[in-house]
Amino acid sequence: MNEAYKDKGTVHELADCRYLTDVSEMTGGGAAFAAGMGAGQKRTFNSKGAIVVASDAVYGLARAYTTFARETRIDSRVYRSIDEAIEWLGAGILRSEIIAFSDKTADLSPGLPDLC
């Protein structure tokens, strides 16, 4: 996503990490690095990012990411409900498509950390 949309302006993003099961190699430093990848890109200017999680461990890492992401986008939040995240992003009209894509992606690569 970073490379494909780096020149697009104000891209609101949803990272569905509900199916992320192995966080053994993820760290706060990794969250800081990931958040910094958006620095200076048009896609993060005036943008919002929502992260949807199911586990407490992923929630903590996602909160660390949002702390660092404050420097690259106007707001990032962590949700346990994908419906709440979709509404906050203002993408309610696309809810069915987002859910279908998310479920399809989860079926193709369950538990892989690089989904987020």
N, C-alpha and C. Protein backbone atom coordinates (compact mmCIF):
# COMPACT_ATOMS: atom_id res chain seq x y z
N MET A 1 0.82 -1.19 0.00
CA MET A 1 0.00 0.00 0.00
C MET A 1 0.86 1.25 0.00
N ASN A 2 1.93 1.27 0.80
CA ASN A 2 2.75 2.47 0.88
C ASN A 2 3.26 2.92 -0.48
N GLU A 3 3.82 2.00 -1.23
CA GLU A 3 4.39 2.35 -2.53
C GLU A 3 3.31 2.69 -3.56
N ALA A 4 2.25 1.92 -3.60
CA ALA A 4 1.21 2.11 -4.61
C ALA A 4 0.48 3.44 -4.45
N TYR A 5 0.36 3.93 -3.22
CA TYR A 5 -0.44 5.13 -2.97
C TYR A 5 0.37 6.31 -2.47
N LYS A 6 1.69 6.24 -2.51
CA LYS A 6 2.50 7.29 -1.93
C LYS A 6 2.27 8.66 -2.57
N ASP A 7 1.88 8.72 -3.84
CA ASP A 7 1.67 9.99 -4.51
C ASP A 7 0.21 10.43 -4.54
N LYS A 8 -0.68 9.62 -3.98
CA LYS A 8 -2.10 9.98 -3.89
C LYS A 8 -2.27 10.86 -2.66
N GLY A 9 -3.18 11.80 -2.73
CA GLY A 9 -3.41 12.68 -1.59
C GLY A 9 -4.51 12.18 -0.68
N THR A 10 -4.30 12.31 0.61
CA THR A 10 -5.28 12.02 1.65
C THR A 10 -5.99 10.68 1.46
N VAL A 11 -5.28 9.61 1.71
CA VAL A 11 -5.83 8.26 1.63
C VAL A 11 -6.16 7.79 3.04
N HIS A 12 -7.45 7.55 3.31
CA HIS A 12 -7.85 6.98 4.59
C HIS A 12 -7.64 5.47 4.50
N GLU A 13 -7.01 4.91 5.53
CA GLU A 13 -6.63 3.50 5.47
C GLU A 13 -7.23 2.71 6.63
N LEU A 14 -7.58 1.46 6.34
CA LEU A 14 -8.06 0.53 7.35
C LEU A 14 -7.16 -0.70 7.31
N ALA A 15 -6.55 -1.01 8.45
CA ALA A 15 -5.72 -2.22 8.56
C ALA A 15 -6.50 -3.21 9.41
N ASP A 16 -6.95 -4.29 8.79
CA ASP A 16 -7.72 -5.30 9.51
C ASP A 16 -6.75 -6.34 10.07
N CYS A 17 -6.46 -6.22 11.35
CA CYS A 17 -5.53 -7.13 12.02
C CYS A 17 -6.26 -8.09 12.95
N ARG A 18 -7.54 -8.31 12.69
CA ARG A 18 -8.33 -9.21 13.54
C ARG A 18 -7.84 -10.64 13.48
N TYR A 19 -7.23 -11.02 12.39
CA TYR A 19 -6.81 -12.41 12.22
C TYR A 19 -5.32 -12.60 12.49
N LEU A 20 -4.67 -11.57 12.93
CA LEU A 20 -3.26 -11.64 13.25
C LEU A 20 -3.09 -12.46 14.54
N THR A 21 -2.35 -13.55 14.45
CA THR A 21 -2.22 -14.43 15.61
C THR A 21 -0.80 -14.51 16.16
N ASP A 22 0.21 -14.29 15.35
CA ASP A 22 1.58 -14.42 15.81
C ASP A 22 2.24 -13.05 15.85
N VAL A 23 2.45 -12.53 17.04
CA VAL A 23 3.10 -11.23 17.19
C VAL A 23 4.47 -11.39 17.84
N SER A 24 5.00 -12.58 17.83
CA SER A 24 6.25 -12.87 18.52
C SER A 24 7.44 -12.07 18.00
N GLU A 25 7.38 -11.63 16.76
CA GLU A 25 8.50 -10.87 16.21
C GLU A 25 8.18 -9.39 16.05
N MET A 26 7.04 -8.97 16.55
CA MET A 26 6.64 -7.57 16.45
C MET A 26 7.05 -6.83 17.73
N THR A 27 7.54 -5.60 17.58
CA THR A 27 7.99 -4.81 18.72
C THR A 27 7.49 -3.38 18.60
N GLY A 28 7.62 -2.64 19.67
CA GLY A 28 7.30 -1.21 19.62
C GLY A 28 8.20 -0.48 18.64
N GLY A 29 9.46 -0.90 18.55
CA GLY A 29 10.38 -0.30 17.58
C GLY A 29 9.92 -0.55 16.16
N GLY A 30 9.38 -1.74 15.91
CA GLY A 30 8.83 -2.05 14.59
C GLY A 30 7.62 -1.19 14.28
N ALA A 31 6.81 -0.94 15.30
CA ALA A 31 5.64 -0.07 15.12
C ALA A 31 6.08 1.35 14.77
N ALA A 32 7.12 1.83 15.43
CA ALA A 32 7.65 3.16 15.14
C ALA A 32 8.18 3.23 13.71
N PHE A 33 8.91 2.19 13.29
CA PHE A 33 9.44 2.14 11.93
C PHE A 33 8.30 2.16 10.91
N ALA A 34 7.27 1.32 11.13
CA ALA A 34 6.14 1.25 10.20
C ALA A 34 5.43 2.59 10.11
N ALA A 35 5.23 3.24 11.24
CA ALA A 35 4.55 4.54 11.24
C ALA A 35 5.37 5.58 10.48
N GLY A 36 6.68 5.51 10.62
CA GLY A 36 7.55 6.47 9.94
C GLY A 36 7.59 6.30 8.44
N MET A 37 7.17 5.15 7.94
CA MET A 37 7.19 4.91 6.49
C MET A 37 6.26 5.87 5.75
N GLY A 38 5.26 6.41 6.43
CA GLY A 38 4.33 7.33 5.78
C GLY A 38 4.81 8.77 5.76
N ALA A 39 5.89 9.07 6.47
CA ALA A 39 6.38 10.45 6.55
C ALA A 39 6.71 11.00 5.17
N GLY A 40 6.22 12.19 4.90
CA GLY A 40 6.52 12.87 3.66
C GLY A 40 5.74 12.39 2.45
N GLN A 41 4.83 11.44 2.63
CA GLN A 41 4.03 10.96 1.51
C GLN A 41 2.70 11.69 1.45
N LYS A 42 2.26 11.99 0.25
CA LYS A 42 0.99 12.69 0.06
C LYS A 42 -0.18 11.91 0.64
N ARG A 43 -0.09 10.57 0.60
CA ARG A 43 -1.21 9.75 1.04
C ARG A 43 -1.53 9.93 2.52
N THR A 44 -0.55 10.33 3.33
CA THR A 44 -0.80 10.49 4.77
C THR A 44 -1.17 11.92 5.15
N PHE A 45 -1.00 12.87 4.25
CA PHE A 45 -1.36 14.26 4.56
C PHE A 45 -2.87 14.38 4.72
N ASN A 46 -3.30 14.87 5.86
CA ASN A 46 -4.73 15.04 6.16
C ASN A 46 -5.49 13.71 6.15
N SER A 47 -4.82 12.60 6.39
CA SER A 47 -5.48 11.30 6.31
C SER A 47 -5.76 10.73 7.69
N LYS A 48 -6.59 9.70 7.69
CA LYS A 48 -6.90 8.98 8.92
C LYS A 48 -6.58 7.51 8.69
N GLY A 49 -6.19 6.85 9.78
CA GLY A 49 -5.89 5.42 9.71
C GLY A 49 -6.60 4.70 10.84
N ALA A 50 -7.29 3.62 10.51
CA ALA A 50 -7.98 2.80 11.51
C ALA A 50 -7.37 1.40 11.50
N ILE A 51 -7.11 0.89 12.69
CA ILE A 51 -6.58 -0.46 12.84
C ILE A 51 -7.60 -1.25 13.64
N VAL A 52 -8.01 -2.40 13.10
CA VAL A 52 -8.99 -3.25 13.77
C VAL A 52 -8.27 -4.48 14.31
N VAL A 53 -8.46 -4.74 15.59
CA VAL A 53 -7.76 -5.85 16.26
C VAL A 53 -8.74 -6.72 17.04
N ALA A 54 -8.30 -7.92 17.36
CA ALA A 54 -9.11 -8.82 18.18
C ALA A 54 -8.43 -9.16 19.50
N SER A 55 -7.09 -9.17 19.52
CA SER A 55 -6.39 -9.59 20.74
C SER A 55 -5.78 -8.41 21.48
N ASP A 56 -5.55 -8.61 22.78
CA ASP A 56 -4.95 -7.57 23.60
C ASP A 56 -3.51 -7.27 23.17
N ALA A 57 -2.76 -8.30 22.79
CA ALA A 57 -1.37 -8.10 22.37
C ALA A 57 -1.30 -7.22 21.12
N VAL A 58 -2.14 -7.50 20.15
CA VAL A 58 -2.15 -6.70 18.93
C VAL A 58 -2.67 -5.29 19.22
N TYR A 59 -3.62 -5.19 20.13
CA TYR A 59 -4.15 -3.87 20.52
C TYR A 59 -3.00 -3.00 21.05
N GLY A 60 -2.17 -3.56 21.92
CA GLY A 60 -1.06 -2.79 22.48
C GLY A 60 -0.08 -2.33 21.42
N LEU A 61 0.26 -3.21 20.51
CA LEU A 61 1.18 -2.84 19.42
C LEU A 61 0.56 -1.80 18.49
N ALA A 62 -0.73 -1.94 18.24
CA ALA A 62 -1.43 -0.98 17.37
C ALA A 62 -1.48 0.40 18.04
N ARG A 63 -1.67 0.43 19.34
CA ARG A 63 -1.67 1.71 20.06
C ARG A 63 -0.29 2.36 19.98
N ALA A 64 0.75 1.55 20.07
CA ALA A 64 2.11 2.09 19.92
C ALA A 64 2.26 2.71 18.54
N TYR A 65 1.78 2.01 17.51
CA TYR A 65 1.84 2.53 16.14
C TYR A 65 1.13 3.88 16.04
N THR A 66 -0.08 3.98 16.61
CA THR A 66 -0.84 5.23 16.49
C THR A 66 -0.12 6.39 17.17
N THR A 67 0.61 6.11 18.22
CA THR A 67 1.37 7.16 18.89
C THR A 67 2.41 7.74 17.95
N PHE A 68 3.13 6.88 17.24
CA PHE A 68 4.15 7.34 16.31
C PHE A 68 3.53 7.93 15.03
N ALA A 69 2.37 7.43 14.63
CA ALA A 69 1.73 7.89 13.39
C ALA A 69 1.20 9.31 13.50
N ARG A 70 1.08 9.83 14.69
CA ARG A 70 0.58 11.20 14.86
C ARG A 70 1.43 12.22 14.11
N GLU A 71 2.68 11.87 13.86
CA GLU A 71 3.56 12.79 13.15
C GLU A 71 3.36 12.75 11.64
N THR A 72 2.63 11.75 11.13
CA THR A 72 2.49 11.63 9.68
C THR A 72 1.06 11.75 9.18
N ARG A 73 0.06 11.65 10.06
CA ARG A 73 -1.33 11.76 9.62
C ARG A 73 -2.13 12.49 10.70
N ILE A 74 -3.33 12.96 10.35
CA ILE A 74 -4.09 13.75 11.31
C ILE A 74 -4.65 12.92 12.46
N ASP A 75 -4.94 11.66 12.21
CA ASP A 75 -5.47 10.83 13.29
C ASP A 75 -5.36 9.35 12.93
N SER A 76 -5.02 8.55 13.92
CA SER A 76 -5.00 7.10 13.80
C SER A 76 -5.65 6.54 15.06
N ARG A 77 -6.51 5.54 14.88
CA ARG A 77 -7.20 4.96 16.02
C ARG A 77 -7.24 3.44 15.91
N VAL A 78 -7.39 2.81 17.07
CA VAL A 78 -7.47 1.36 17.15
C VAL A 78 -8.89 0.99 17.57
N TYR A 79 -9.46 0.01 16.86
CA TYR A 79 -10.82 -0.45 17.14
C TYR A 79 -10.85 -1.96 17.31
N ARG A 80 -11.82 -2.42 18.05
CA ARG A 80 -12.09 -3.86 18.14
C ARG A 80 -13.25 -4.23 17.22
N SER A 81 -13.97 -3.25 16.72
CA SER A 81 -15.10 -3.46 15.83
C SER A 81 -14.79 -2.90 14.45
N ILE A 82 -14.85 -3.75 13.43
CA ILE A 82 -14.60 -3.26 12.07
C ILE A 82 -15.69 -2.29 11.63
N ASP A 83 -16.91 -2.50 12.11
CA ASP A 83 -18.00 -1.58 11.75
C ASP A 83 -17.73 -0.17 12.28
N GLU A 84 -17.25 -0.07 13.51
CA GLU A 84 -16.92 1.24 14.08
C GLU A 84 -15.78 1.90 13.31
N ALA A 85 -14.79 1.12 12.93
CA ALA A 85 -13.66 1.67 12.17
C ALA A 85 -14.11 2.19 10.81
N ILE A 86 -14.95 1.42 10.14
CA ILE A 86 -15.46 1.83 8.83
C ILE A 86 -16.26 3.13 8.95
N GLU A 87 -17.09 3.23 9.96
CA GLU A 87 -17.89 4.44 10.16
C GLU A 87 -17.00 5.64 10.45
N TRP A 88 -15.99 5.46 11.32
CA TRP A 88 -15.09 6.56 11.66
C TRP A 88 -14.34 7.07 10.44
N LEU A 89 -14.00 6.17 9.54
CA LEU A 89 -13.31 6.56 8.32
C LEU A 89 -14.25 7.23 7.31
N GLY A 90 -15.55 7.17 7.57
CA GLY A 90 -16.52 7.74 6.64
C GLY A 90 -16.75 6.87 5.42
N ALA A 91 -16.55 5.56 5.59
CA ALA A 91 -16.65 4.64 4.46
C ALA A 91 -17.84 3.69 4.59
N GLY A 92 -18.85 4.10 5.33
CA GLY A 92 -20.01 3.24 5.56
C GLY A 92 -20.66 2.73 4.29
N ILE A 93 -20.67 3.54 3.25
CA ILE A 93 -21.29 3.14 1.98
C ILE A 93 -20.54 1.96 1.34
N LEU A 94 -19.28 1.78 1.71
CA LEU A 94 -18.46 0.70 1.15
C LEU A 94 -18.33 -0.49 2.10
N ARG A 95 -19.11 -0.51 3.17
CA ARG A 95 -18.98 -1.53 4.21
C ARG A 95 -18.97 -2.95 3.64
N SER A 96 -19.92 -3.30 2.81
CA SER A 96 -20.02 -4.66 2.27
C SER A 96 -18.77 -5.06 1.50
N GLU A 97 -18.27 -4.13 0.67
CA GLU A 97 -17.07 -4.42 -0.11
C GLU A 97 -15.84 -4.57 0.77
N ILE A 98 -15.73 -3.72 1.78
CA ILE A 98 -14.59 -3.79 2.69
C ILE A 98 -14.59 -5.11 3.45
N ILE A 99 -15.75 -5.49 3.98
CA ILE A 99 -15.86 -6.75 4.73
C ILE A 99 -15.54 -7.94 3.83
N ALA A 100 -16.07 -7.95 2.62
CA ALA A 100 -15.82 -9.07 1.70
C ALA A 100 -14.34 -9.17 1.37
N PHE A 101 -13.69 -8.04 1.09
CA PHE A 101 -12.27 -8.05 0.77
C PHE A 101 -11.45 -8.51 1.97
N SER A 102 -11.79 -8.01 3.14
CA SER A 102 -11.08 -8.37 4.36
C SER A 102 -11.19 -9.86 4.64
N ASP A 103 -12.38 -10.40 4.52
CA ASP A 103 -12.58 -11.83 4.77
C ASP A 103 -11.84 -12.68 3.75
N LYS A 104 -11.84 -12.25 2.49
CA LYS A 104 -11.14 -12.99 1.44
C LYS A 104 -9.64 -12.99 1.71
N THR A 105 -9.10 -11.85 2.09
CA THR A 105 -7.67 -11.73 2.38
C THR A 105 -7.30 -12.60 3.57
N ALA A 106 -8.13 -12.61 4.60
CA ALA A 106 -7.86 -13.43 5.79
C ALA A 106 -7.84 -14.91 5.43
N ASP A 107 -8.71 -15.33 4.53
CA ASP A 107 -8.74 -16.72 4.11
C ASP A 107 -7.48 -17.13 3.34
N LEU A 108 -6.90 -16.18 2.61
CA LEU A 108 -5.71 -16.48 1.79
C LEU A 108 -4.44 -16.56 2.60
N SER A 109 -4.36 -15.80 3.68
CA SER A 109 -3.10 -15.76 4.44
C SER A 109 -3.37 -15.58 5.93
N PRO A 110 -3.93 -16.59 6.56
CA PRO A 110 -4.27 -16.47 7.97
C PRO A 110 -3.05 -16.35 8.88
N GLY A 111 -3.13 -15.41 9.81
CA GLY A 111 -2.11 -15.29 10.85
C GLY A 111 -0.80 -14.65 10.45
N LEU A 112 -0.68 -14.17 9.22
CA LEU A 112 0.60 -13.62 8.79
C LEU A 112 0.75 -12.17 9.24
N PRO A 113 1.83 -11.82 9.92
CA PRO A 113 2.02 -10.47 10.40
C PRO A 113 2.10 -9.42 9.31
N ASP A 114 2.51 -9.76 8.08
CA ASP A 114 2.67 -8.75 7.06
C ASP A 114 1.34 -8.27 6.47
N LEU A 115 0.22 -8.75 6.98
CA LEU A 115 -1.07 -8.22 6.53
C LEU A 115 -1.30 -6.82 7.04
N CYS A 116 -0.65 -6.47 8.10
CA CYS A 116 -0.92 -5.18 8.74
C CYS A 116 0.18 -4.20 8.43
